[in-house]
Protein backbone atom coordinates (compact mmCIF):
# COMPACT_ATOMS: atom_id res chain seq x y z
CA UNK A 1 -24.83 -1.14 -0.96
CA UNK A 2 -25.61 1.98 -1.74
CA UNK A 3 -28.99 2.24 -3.27
CA UNK A 4 -30.24 -1.35 -1.82
CA UNK A 5 -29.07 -0.69 1.83
CA UNK A 6 -27.59 2.89 2.70
CA UNK A 7 -30.36 5.18 0.89
CA UNK A 8 -33.27 2.96 2.00
CA UNK A 9 -32.22 3.22 5.67
CA UNK A 10 -32.12 7.01 5.70
CA UNK A 11 -35.35 7.16 4.18
CA UNK A 12 -36.50 5.11 7.17
CA UNK A 13 -34.22 7.11 9.98
CA UNK A 14 -34.05 10.62 8.94
CA UNK A 15 -36.74 10.77 6.62
CA UNK A 16 -36.18 11.93 2.71
CA UNK A 17 -36.16 15.38 3.21
CA UNK A 18 -33.69 15.27 5.79
CA UNK A 19 -30.65 14.65 3.33
CA UNK A 20 -29.26 15.01 0.02
CA UNK A 21 -27.23 12.42 -2.15
CA UNK A 22 -24.70 13.93 -4.33
CA UNK A 23 -24.63 11.39 -7.07
CA UNK A 24 -21.32 13.39 -9.23
CA UNK A 25 -19.23 13.18 -5.91
CA UNK A 26 -20.69 10.35 -4.50
CA UNK A 27 -21.69 11.60 -0.76
CA UNK A 28 -24.57 12.66 1.31
CA UNK A 29 -25.00 15.56 3.47
CA UNK A 30 -27.20 15.06 6.31
CA UNK A 31 -29.78 18.02 7.74
CA UNK A 32 -27.19 18.41 10.70
CA UNK A 33 -24.16 19.10 8.50
CA UNK A 34 -22.58 15.75 8.49
CA UNK A 35 -21.40 13.95 5.34
CA UNK A 36 -21.29 10.46 4.52
CA UNK A 37 -18.88 9.75 1.93
CA UNK A 38 -18.93 6.73 -0.76
CA UNK A 39 -15.87 5.12 -2.22
CA UNK A 40 -13.66 2.63 -2.75
CA UNK A 41 -9.68 1.52 -2.32
CA UNK A 42 -9.74 -0.54 -5.48
CA UNK A 43 -8.15 2.18 -8.03
CA UNK A 44 -6.30 4.93 -7.68
CA UNK A 45 -8.76 7.30 -8.38
CA UNK A 46 -11.13 6.19 -5.74
CA UNK A 47 -8.62 6.07 -3.22
CA UNK A 48 -6.91 9.52 -3.53
CA UNK A 49 -10.59 11.02 -3.29
CA UNK A 50 -11.15 8.94 -0.18
CA UNK A 51 -7.61 9.48 1.03
CA UNK A 52 -8.09 13.43 0.44
CA UNK A 53 -10.58 13.60 3.32
CA UNK A 54 -10.70 13.26 7.20
CA UNK A 55 -13.22 11.15 8.88
CA UNK A 56 -15.05 10.23 12.19
CA UNK A 57 -15.76 7.07 11.20
CA UNK A 58 -14.75 4.54 8.76
CA UNK A 59 -16.44 1.65 7.51
CA UNK A 60 -14.77 -1.07 5.27
CA UNK A 61 -17.18 -2.90 3.51
CA UNK A 62 -16.87 -6.94 2.65
CA UNK A 63 -12.98 -6.95 4.21
CA UNK A 64 -12.07 -10.08 2.71
CA UNK A 65 -11.69 -8.59 -0.01
CA UNK A 66 -9.39 -5.77 0.66
CA UNK A 67 -5.55 -6.29 1.05
CA UNK A 68 -4.13 -5.36 5.21
CA UNK A 69 -2.09 -2.53 3.15
CA UNK A 70 -4.90 -0.97 1.74
CA UNK A 71 -7.19 -1.02 5.37
CA UNK A 72 -3.98 0.46 7.30
CA UNK A 73 -3.31 3.47 4.76
CA UNK A 74 -6.97 4.17 5.28
CA UNK A 75 -6.26 4.10 9.32
CA UNK A 76 -4.40 7.50 8.82
CA UNK A 77 -7.85 9.64 7.68
CA UNK A 78 -9.70 8.97 11.38
CA UNK A 79 -8.12 12.12 12.43
CA UNK A 80 -11.48 14.44 12.62
CA UNK A 81 -11.71 15.92 16.05
CA UNK A 82 -15.55 16.53 16.65
CA UNK A 83 -16.39 17.51 20.60
CA UNK A 84 -18.29 14.53 22.28
CA UNK A 85 -17.35 12.24 18.79
CA UNK A 86 -15.60 8.86 19.46
CA UNK A 87 -13.45 8.14 15.98
CA UNK A 88 -14.36 4.70 15.15
CA UNK A 89 -13.65 2.21 12.90
CA UNK A 90 -16.13 -0.66 11.66
CA UNK A 91 -15.74 -3.40 9.47
CA UNK A 92 -17.93 -6.27 8.09
CA UNK A 93 -17.08 -9.73 5.63
CA UNK A 94 -18.11 -12.83 4.87
CA UNK A 95 -15.44 -15.20 6.58
CA UNK A 96 -12.94 -15.74 4.19
CA UNK A 97 -9.84 -18.27 5.13
CA UNK A 98 -8.55 -18.67 8.69
CA UNK A 99 -4.99 -17.76 7.07
CA UNK A 100 -6.38 -14.37 6.15
CA UNK A 101 -5.67 -10.99 8.13
CA UNK A 102 -8.76 -10.04 9.48
CA UNK A 103 -9.20 -13.51 11.16
CA UNK A 104 -5.78 -13.25 12.54
CA UNK A 105 -6.47 -9.55 13.78
CA UNK A 106 -10.10 -9.99 15.12
CA UNK A 107 -10.51 -13.54 16.37
CA UNK A 108 -7.03 -14.77 16.95
CA UNK A 109 -5.79 -11.03 18.16
CA UNK A 110 -2.54 -11.46 16.66
CA UNK A 111 -0.28 -8.99 14.49
CA UNK A 112 -0.99 -10.10 10.70
CA UNK A 113 2.77 -9.69 9.59
CA UNK A 114 4.57 -10.89 13.01
CA UNK A 115 1.82 -13.11 14.55
CA UNK A 116 2.73 -11.35 17.80
CA UNK A 117 0.11 -10.63 20.56
CA UNK A 118 -1.95 -7.07 19.63
CA UNK A 119 -0.59 -4.72 21.97
CA UNK A 120 -4.38 -3.57 22.64
CA UNK A 121 -6.71 -6.62 21.65
CA UNK A 122 -9.34 -4.80 23.49
CA UNK A 123 -9.65 -2.21 20.73
CA UNK A 124 -10.18 -5.35 18.13
CA UNK A 125 -13.83 -6.43 19.13
CA UNK A 126 -15.83 -8.84 16.77
CA UNK A 127 -19.51 -10.14 16.58
CA UNK A 128 -21.12 -13.07 14.63
CA UNK A 129 -24.49 -12.21 12.48
CA UNK A 130 -25.90 -15.04 10.67
CA UNK A 131 -28.74 -15.43 8.43
CA UNK A 132 -30.78 -16.79 11.48
CA UNK A 133 -30.29 -14.17 13.18
CA UNK A 134 -31.62 -12.05 10.84
CA UNK A 135 -34.11 -14.21 9.78
CA UNK A 136 -37.29 -11.45 10.25
CA UNK A 137 -35.93 -9.45 7.35
CA UNK A 138 -35.30 -12.39 4.98
CA UNK A 139 -37.77 -14.13 2.41
CA UNK A 140 -39.15 -17.11 4.19
CA UNK A 141 -37.57 -20.05 1.90
CA UNK A 142 -34.00 -18.31 1.96
CA UNK A 143 -32.42 -19.82 4.63
CA UNK A 144 -33.97 -23.30 4.04
CA UNK A 145 -34.38 -23.24 -0.26
CA UNK A 146 -30.82 -21.61 -0.45
CA UNK A 147 -28.37 -21.21 1.87
CA UNK A 148 -29.16 -25.00 3.60
CA UNK A 149 -28.30 -26.20 -0.25
CA UNK A 150 -25.07 -24.75 -0.96
CA UNK A 151 -22.06 -26.78 -1.22
CA UNK A 152 -20.50 -27.41 1.85
CA UNK A 153 -17.79 -25.09 2.42
CA UNK A 154 -20.15 -22.28 1.05
CA UNK A 155 -22.68 -23.18 3.49
CA UNK A 156 -19.91 -23.26 6.26
CA UNK A 157 -19.09 -19.23 5.36
CA UNK A 158 -22.45 -17.79 4.02
CA UNK A 159 -24.92 -19.73 6.79
CA UNK A 160 -22.54 -20.74 9.72
CA UNK A 161 -20.29 -17.88 9.89
CA UNK A 162 -17.41 -20.01 9.72
CA UNK A 163 -13.89 -19.22 8.96
CA UNK A 164 -12.84 -22.31 5.93
CA UNK A 165 -10.94 -22.66 2.78
CA UNK A 166 -13.16 -20.82 -0.11
CA UNK A 167 -15.17 -23.21 -2.26
CA UNK A 168 -13.01 -23.61 -5.60
CA UNK A 169 -9.73 -23.20 -3.52
CA UNK A 170 -6.96 -23.33 -6.35
CA UNK A 171 -4.00 -24.60 -4.16
CA UNK A 172 -6.50 -26.81 -1.99
CA UNK A 173 -3.77 -29.45 -0.99
CA UNK A 174 -1.95 -26.69 0.68
CA UNK A 175 -1.66 -27.45 4.06
CA UNK A 176 -0.61 -25.83 7.73
CA UNK A 177 1.96 -28.57 7.74
CA UNK A 178 3.73 -26.53 4.86
CA UNK A 179 4.03 -23.42 6.83
CA UNK A 180 7.37 -23.34 8.53
CA UNK A 181 8.85 -21.68 11.90
CA UNK A 182 12.56 -20.24 10.90
CA UNK A 183 13.66 -22.67 12.33
CA UNK A 184 12.33 -25.31 10.13
CA UNK A 185 13.59 -23.43 6.77
CA UNK A 186 16.95 -24.50 5.24
CA UNK A 187 20.30 -22.45 6.63
CA UNK A 188 21.10 -21.65 2.95
CA UNK A 189 19.42 -21.69 -0.36
CA UNK A 190 21.05 -23.12 -3.90
CA UNK A 191 19.52 -19.78 -5.75
CA UNK A 192 16.98 -17.41 -5.29
CA UNK A 193 14.20 -15.47 -7.79
CA UNK A 194 11.53 -13.29 -6.53
CA UNK A 195 7.95 -12.30 -8.45
CA UNK A 196 6.80 -8.25 -8.44
CA UNK A 197 3.23 -7.35 -9.23
CA UNK A 198 2.57 -3.93 -9.89
CA UNK A 199 -0.66 -1.84 -9.42
CA UNK A 200 -2.26 0.04 -6.61
CA UNK A 201 -1.92 -3.08 -4.39
CA UNK A 202 1.88 -3.59 -5.42
CA UNK A 203 3.37 -6.55 -3.91
CA UNK A 204 6.96 -8.72 -4.23
CA UNK A 205 7.45 -12.37 -2.99
CA UNK A 206 11.10 -13.73 -2.73
CA UNK A 207 11.53 -17.65 -3.17
CA UNK A 208 14.62 -19.83 -2.67
CA UNK A 209 15.20 -23.30 -4.09
CA UNK A 210 17.26 -26.82 -2.56
CA UNK A 211 16.89 -29.06 -5.20
CA UNK A 212 13.34 -29.48 -6.31
CA UNK A 213 12.10 -27.91 -3.70
CA UNK A 214 10.54 -24.06 -3.53
CA UNK A 215 10.44 -21.86 -0.39
CA UNK A 216 8.76 -18.85 -0.49
CA UNK A 217 10.91 -16.99 2.07
CA UNK A 218 9.82 -13.30 2.62
CA UNK A 219 6.94 -11.03 0.67
CA UNK A 220 6.02 -7.55 1.21
CA UNK A 221 3.52 -5.54 -0.11
CA UNK A 222 2.28 -1.75 -0.22
CA UNK A 223 -0.59 0.30 -1.18
CA UNK A 224 -0.86 3.29 -3.37
CA UNK A 225 3.28 3.55 -3.28
CA UNK A 226 5.00 4.19 -6.28
CA UNK A 227 7.47 1.52 -8.14
CA UNK A 228 10.77 3.04 -7.24
CA UNK A 229 10.02 4.18 -3.50
CA UNK A 230 8.39 0.45 -3.22
CA UNK A 231 12.11 -0.74 -4.59
CA UNK A 232 13.83 1.68 -2.45
CA UNK A 233 11.69 0.31 0.52
CA UNK A 234 12.60 -3.50 -0.71
CA UNK A 235 16.42 -2.56 -0.64
CA UNK A 236 16.04 -0.81 2.58
CA UNK A 237 14.72 -4.55 4.06
CA UNK A 238 18.20 -5.76 2.55
CA UNK A 239 16.04 -7.77 0.15
CA UNK A 240 18.36 -7.49 -2.69
CA UNK A 241 21.46 -8.81 -0.20
CA UNK A 242 21.29 -12.03 -2.42
CA UNK A 243 21.83 -11.63 -6.48
CA UNK A 244 18.68 -13.01 -8.15
CA UNK A 245 16.24 -11.89 -10.91
CA UNK A 246 12.78 -10.71 -10.16
CA UNK A 247 10.18 -11.42 -12.43
CA UNK A 248 7.99 -8.83 -13.11
CA UNK A 249 4.21 -8.76 -14.37
CA UNK A 250 4.76 -8.29 -18.15
CA UNK A 251 2.05 -5.76 -18.13
CA UNK A 252 4.05 -3.57 -15.95
CA UNK A 253 6.10 -1.85 -19.19
CA UNK A 254 8.49 1.12 -18.26
CA UNK A 255 8.07 0.16 -14.31
CA UNK A 256 9.63 -3.02 -14.85
CA UNK A 257 13.38 -1.11 -15.13
CA UNK A 258 12.75 0.32 -12.02
CA UNK A 259 12.67 -3.15 -10.07
CA UNK A 260 16.15 -4.19 -9.16
CA UNK A 261 17.20 -7.29 -11.61
CA UNK A 262 13.90 -6.75 -13.11
CA UNK A 263 12.59 -8.83 -16.24
CA UNK A 264 9.84 -9.91 -17.96
CA UNK A 265 7.95 -13.13 -16.08
CA UNK A 266 6.13 -15.80 -17.50
CA UNK A 267 2.55 -15.11 -17.16
CA UNK A 268 1.05 -18.40 -18.75
CA UNK A 269 -1.09 -18.36 -15.96
CA UNK A 270 -2.56 -21.77 -16.04
CA UNK A 271 0.46 -23.63 -16.83
CA UNK A 272 1.79 -21.63 -13.98
CA UNK A 273 -0.69 -22.57 -11.78
CA UNK A 274 -0.46 -25.96 -12.71
CA UNK A 275 3.24 -26.20 -11.70
CA UNK A 276 2.47 -24.74 -8.28
CA UNK A 277 -0.01 -27.17 -7.59
CA UNK A 278 2.38 -30.17 -8.71
CA UNK A 279 4.97 -29.00 -6.48
CA UNK A 280 2.16 -28.71 -3.39
CA UNK A 281 0.96 -32.52 -4.28
CA UNK A 282 5.15 -33.79 -4.25
CA UNK A 283 5.39 -31.90 -0.97
CA UNK A 284 7.75 -29.62 -2.75
CA UNK A 285 6.64 -26.41 -1.50
CA UNK A 286 6.84 -24.18 1.61
CA UNK A 287 5.96 -21.15 2.91
CA UNK A 288 7.82 -19.11 5.82
CA UNK A 289 5.26 -17.99 8.46
CA UNK A 290 6.94 -14.44 8.09
CA UNK A 291 5.42 -14.91 4.61
CA UNK A 292 1.90 -13.16 5.83
CA UNK A 293 0.79 -11.85 2.14
CA UNK A 294 1.23 -15.18 0.57
CA UNK A 295 -0.49 -16.81 3.18
CA UNK A 296 -3.42 -14.35 3.60
CA UNK A 297 -4.33 -14.96 0.07
CA UNK A 298 -3.20 -18.58 -0.50
CA UNK A 299 -6.89 -20.50 0.76
CA UNK A 300 -9.03 -17.57 -0.57
CA UNK A 301 -7.62 -17.56 -4.15
CA UNK A 302 -10.12 -19.67 -6.02
CA UNK A 303 -12.17 -20.12 -9.14
CA UNK A 304 -15.67 -19.23 -9.67
CA UNK A 305 -18.41 -21.42 -10.86
CA UNK A 306 -17.68 -21.04 -14.61
CA UNK A 307 -14.04 -21.97 -13.75
CA UNK A 308 -12.40 -18.73 -14.32
CA UNK A 309 -10.00 -16.99 -11.53
CA UNK A 310 -11.89 -14.78 -9.16
CA UNK A 311 -9.60 -11.65 -9.39
CA UNK A 312 -10.01 -10.31 -5.70
CA UNK A 313 -6.94 -9.70 -3.74
CA UNK A 314 -4.77 -11.96 -5.63
CA UNK A 315 -1.75 -9.50 -5.79
CA UNK A 316 0.82 -11.80 -3.80
CA UNK A 317 -0.41 -14.87 -5.61
CA UNK A 318 0.31 -13.66 -8.96
CA UNK A 319 3.81 -12.75 -7.52
CA UNK A 320 4.55 -16.19 -6.16
CA UNK A 321 3.49 -17.59 -9.71
CA UNK A 322 5.72 -15.37 -11.26
CA UNK A 323 8.73 -15.89 -9.30
CA UNK A 324 8.41 -19.75 -8.94
CA UNK A 325 7.32 -20.78 -12.76
CA UNK A 326 9.62 -18.16 -15.03
CA UNK A 327 12.50 -19.40 -12.72
CA UNK A 328 11.52 -22.70 -13.48
CA UNK A 329 10.64 -22.34 -17.14
CA UNK A 330 14.49 -20.34 -17.11
CA UNK A 331 16.14 -22.69 -15.38
CA UNK A 332 19.35 -21.80 -13.57
CA UNK A 333 19.84 -18.02 -13.26
CA UNK A 334 23.73 -17.15 -13.71
CA UNK A 335 24.71 -14.19 -12.39
């Protein structure tokens, strides 16, 4: 984006002599003293650099690959006060699935976590810009010879701008009928388990069992939060009112000890995926509508053309797999 789009655009608009690019710190100064900072929210060092400043405008590029928790943390930095300048968030994306947080917020105008109507929907405007609208700036054969020949789902996303399940989605058989309202969930569960994923995007998914059926009943995620603080937040949400084991990412090391009931998960990725796929196909897997994190990822969790899992925005999927597959391998956990 920087060298292919931003710098050439500055050359054409303000002129080469009216800005300077500081490569070491990755920011641009304009002739009038304004600055453009370029960074990401993908690792802690980048995040700390971006969150250490205040801004008039924040532009999120490709939000289909960003977690809702990461984006909302950045919201607090739109705090610079400049006379005559209205502070503004801008976003772009290639559409993901209709369960993605951006679809819920910008298209359906609902709260991501609760599904309730947005209190100020007018603040969340959206527009559709398809390749056909930008035809004058594209190679002549790009639409006809490339986009028109893509597989159906990719064509719907990248040519038509539709929100659909990703191509190569791993949990293809998961349907909206498997999303349950509160009154459709069992009154009690025979046992519980949870899965914990660590990292900058830290997540936990809690599941319940009735016979062979698995229910994802709650999830929680945060951005740039310490493990201990995250566990305290879970406790404050009455997460641990039931006794159960929390199966954690084995790479978590000493952080596992900071999670209540934390033990190493079985991280056999393909076996865990196969187990959940079988549960879905047998109609033995359901998700509470309250599990906004799980639902936002489940239709975008996919493989690339080489069959490798796309490791983007998959933190709830990892936590879900840790919980379900590890609990199945351990059998009934006595506590």
